[in-house]
Structures are given as structure tokens and as C-alpha cells.
């Protein structure tokens, strides 16, 4: 699956606005997008009428140096967050992941709060624990990993002093 923020005009901006307007939730795809056969990504079980809980990750482009904002699924990890580079089952890593690995200092929007963070790749037992918990919550992620032919990266976004 390609990056929806570059294939659907205004998609990313719409999701960012919805997350900001709805206390961290967005329906992700509109009824019109589903009717047109464009589920970006497909609907996933376990989400209520508010949609999916998302955080907004501000990151710096590895090649461009420009700020990007990615709405992402997340898992709370204490006072921090884990995010998952599924890229909808694509064999390629998502751009946000590559950007965070190149430029780990970032900002996360959680509700009305903007939090400076440092990104790091979860490895070993930590990665397995976080991934297993996320797959239990969103079983579709296991399908994405199988389809991708790669291990899905789990990135921990840790709070840093401002």
C-alpha cells in the first residue's frame, strides 16, 4: 500500500484536522472513500464511532529536511508511546519511520499536548512484547507483517525535556 498522504489529495490534512478536533480520534476513511473502493487503510475491528485513537508525530524529512506530520496508531508505554511501521503491509518501510531513524528528535501531539520526544527502535524482548500486545489489539497488523515480508519496526517515542 502506498503512502496515503501522497496518493489521496488532502487525506493527511483531513486526518490531522480530525484528530485535533476530536480529542485524538479520527474515522480515518470517509464513507465516500469506502464506497469508491479506497479504504485507506481498511476498517479494523475494535474501534468505536469516534474512530481510531491516533497521535500526530511531527518529524523531519530525511532527504528534504522539511517538517512532516503523520497520524499514527500508538500504544502507551508508561509516559511514552510506541508506534508501528506497518505501512499497510507494503514491503517498504513508511517514510515517517525512515525520517525518525535519520532524525530521532520529534514532537508528538497527544490531545492538546505537544511533547518533545526522541525516537528509538525497540529491539529484542521489548519489541516482541510491544508487538504482541499491539497485534492482540489490532489483529490486522499481523496480516500486514506477513504480507510485507519484513519485520515491522516498533519505534518508541520517549519524552525528552523541552
Protein backbone atom coordinates (compact mmCIF):
# COMPACT_ATOMS: atom_id res chain seq x y z
CA UNK A 1 0.00 0.00 0.00
CA UNK A 2 1.41 3.40 -0.89
CA UNK A 3 1.58 6.32 1.48
CA UNK A 4 -2.00 7.67 1.63
CA UNK A 5 -0.78 11.18 2.38
CA UNK A 6 0.77 11.34 -1.09
CA UNK A 7 -1.86 9.41 -3.06
CA UNK A 8 -5.08 10.93 -1.78
CA UNK A 9 -5.07 14.72 -2.07
CA UNK A 10 -5.82 16.30 1.28
CA UNK A 11 -6.05 12.96 3.10
CA UNK A 12 -3.29 13.66 5.59
CA UNK A 13 -4.52 17.22 6.24
CA UNK A 14 -8.07 15.93 6.82
CA UNK A 15 -6.94 13.27 9.29
CA UNK A 16 -4.71 15.73 11.16
CA UNK A 17 -7.61 18.20 11.44
CA UNK A 18 -9.99 15.46 12.64
CA UNK A 19 -7.53 14.22 15.27
CA UNK A 20 -7.12 17.78 16.55
CA UNK A 21 -10.87 18.46 16.53
CA UNK A 22 -11.88 15.13 18.12
CA UNK A 23 -9.54 14.76 21.10
CA UNK A 24 -7.19 12.33 19.37
CA UNK A 25 -9.68 10.30 17.30
CA UNK A 26 -10.40 10.12 13.58
CA UNK A 27 -12.55 7.83 11.41
CA UNK A 28 -9.54 7.52 9.01
CA UNK A 29 -11.51 6.91 5.78
CA UNK A 30 -14.78 8.62 4.88
CA UNK A 31 -17.87 6.71 3.78
CA UNK A 32 -17.28 8.14 0.28
CA UNK A 33 -13.73 6.72 0.20
CA UNK A 34 -15.01 3.29 1.22
CA UNK A 35 -17.81 3.47 -1.37
CA UNK A 36 -15.22 4.33 -4.04
CA UNK A 37 -13.17 1.29 -3.06
CA UNK A 38 -10.45 3.30 -1.36
CA UNK A 39 -10.23 2.08 2.22
CA UNK A 40 -7.08 3.83 3.41
CA UNK A 41 -6.39 1.64 5.40
CA UNK A 42 -9.15 -0.97 5.63
CA UNK A 43 -11.55 -0.73 8.55
CA UNK A 44 -10.31 -2.59 11.57
CA UNK A 45 -12.35 -4.16 14.35
CA UNK A 46 -12.23 -2.76 17.83
CA UNK A 47 -12.82 0.92 17.08
CA UNK A 48 -15.95 2.76 18.14
CA UNK A 49 -17.97 5.50 16.47
CA UNK A 50 -15.29 8.08 17.28
CA UNK A 51 -12.91 6.18 15.04
CA UNK A 52 -9.36 5.24 15.84
CA UNK A 53 -7.19 6.76 18.56
CA UNK A 54 -4.22 8.42 16.88
CA UNK A 55 -1.27 10.59 17.79
CA UNK A 56 0.27 13.16 15.48
CA UNK A 57 4.01 12.70 15.06
CA UNK A 58 5.92 15.74 13.77
CA UNK A 59 9.14 14.53 12.14
CA UNK A 60 11.83 15.91 9.86
CA UNK A 61 12.24 14.61 6.32
CA UNK A 62 15.48 12.61 5.98
CA UNK A 63 16.14 13.96 2.46
CA UNK A 64 14.20 17.24 2.43
CA UNK A 65 14.70 18.49 5.98
CA UNK A 66 11.05 19.63 5.92
CA UNK A 67 8.65 19.05 8.80
CA UNK A 68 6.08 16.33 8.21
CA UNK A 69 3.12 15.28 10.34
CA UNK A 70 1.99 11.65 10.42
CA UNK A 71 -1.17 10.46 12.18
CA UNK A 72 -0.27 7.08 13.70
CA UNK A 73 -1.72 4.25 15.73
CA UNK A 74 0.04 4.11 19.06
CA UNK A 75 0.41 2.12 22.22
CA UNK A 76 1.03 3.89 25.53
CA UNK A 77 4.30 2.75 27.11
CA UNK A 78 4.35 4.34 30.56
CA UNK A 79 4.60 8.09 29.84
CA UNK A 80 5.86 7.35 26.31
CA UNK A 81 4.40 5.88 23.11
CA UNK A 82 5.15 3.03 20.72
CA UNK A 83 4.28 3.34 17.02
CA UNK A 84 4.33 0.64 14.38
CA UNK A 85 5.76 0.84 10.84
CA UNK A 86 3.21 -1.43 9.14
CA UNK A 87 2.82 0.76 6.03
CA UNK A 88 -0.34 -1.23 5.29
CA UNK A 89 1.63 -4.39 4.52
CA UNK A 90 3.97 -2.74 1.99
CA UNK A 91 7.41 -4.34 1.55
CA UNK A 92 8.89 -0.86 2.15
CA UNK A 93 9.17 0.96 5.45
CA UNK A 94 6.97 4.05 5.79
CA UNK A 95 8.60 7.44 5.21
CA UNK A 96 7.92 8.55 8.78
CA UNK A 97 9.96 5.60 10.10
CA UNK A 98 12.93 6.41 7.85
CA UNK A 99 12.68 10.05 8.89
CA UNK A 100 12.65 9.22 12.61
CA UNK A 101 15.62 6.89 12.26
CA UNK A 102 17.56 9.65 10.47
CA UNK A 103 16.32 12.47 12.75
CA UNK A 104 15.15 10.97 16.06
CA UNK A 105 14.20 14.28 17.71
CA UNK A 106 10.49 14.86 17.10
CA UNK A 107 7.29 16.22 18.62
CA UNK A 108 4.14 14.26 19.40
CA UNK A 109 0.67 15.79 19.64
CA UNK A 110 -1.45 13.89 22.14
CA UNK A 111 -4.81 15.60 22.53
CA UNK A 112 -3.98 19.27 23.17
CA UNK A 113 -0.47 18.49 24.46
CA UNK A 114 2.68 18.85 22.34
CA UNK A 115 5.50 16.71 23.70
CA UNK A 116 9.15 16.71 22.57
CA UNK A 117 10.35 13.13 22.07
CA UNK A 118 13.33 11.10 20.97
CA UNK A 119 12.63 8.09 18.75
CA UNK A 120 14.41 4.78 19.17
CA UNK A 121 13.89 1.38 17.65
CA UNK A 122 12.59 -1.26 20.06
CA UNK A 123 14.63 -4.47 19.87
CA UNK A 124 14.62 -7.97 21.27
CA UNK A 125 12.25 -8.80 24.11
CA UNK A 126 10.96 -5.22 24.29
CA UNK A 127 9.98 -5.26 20.61
CA UNK A 128 8.34 -8.67 20.92
CA UNK A 129 6.34 -7.62 23.99
CA UNK A 130 5.09 -4.38 22.38
CA UNK A 131 4.35 -6.08 19.05
CA UNK A 132 2.42 -8.97 20.68
CA UNK A 133 0.30 -6.52 22.66
CA UNK A 134 -0.45 -4.44 19.55
CA UNK A 135 -1.35 -7.49 17.44
CA UNK A 136 -3.75 -8.57 20.21
CA UNK A 137 -5.41 -5.13 19.99
CA UNK A 138 -5.27 -4.83 16.17
CA UNK A 139 -5.02 -8.33 14.63
CA UNK A 140 -4.79 -6.80 11.14
CA UNK A 141 -1.22 -5.77 11.98
CA UNK A 142 -0.13 -9.44 11.93
CA UNK A 143 -1.54 -9.70 8.40
CA UNK A 144 0.37 -6.56 7.42
CA UNK A 145 3.62 -8.07 8.71
CA UNK A 146 3.02 -11.35 6.86
CA UNK A 147 2.17 -9.51 3.62
CA UNK A 148 5.17 -7.18 3.89
CA UNK A 149 7.87 -9.86 4.03
CA UNK A 150 9.71 -7.80 6.65
CA UNK A 151 9.69 -7.44 10.41
CA UNK A 152 7.52 -4.45 11.25
CA UNK A 153 9.59 -1.87 13.12
CA UNK A 154 8.36 -0.80 16.54
CA UNK A 155 9.50 2.70 17.43
CA UNK A 156 9.38 4.02 20.99
CA UNK A 157 8.87 7.76 21.31
CA UNK A 158 10.33 8.81 24.65
CA UNK A 159 9.65 12.13 26.31
CA UNK A 160 12.62 14.48 26.49
CA UNK A 161 12.95 17.80 28.33
CA UNK A 162 11.80 20.74 26.20
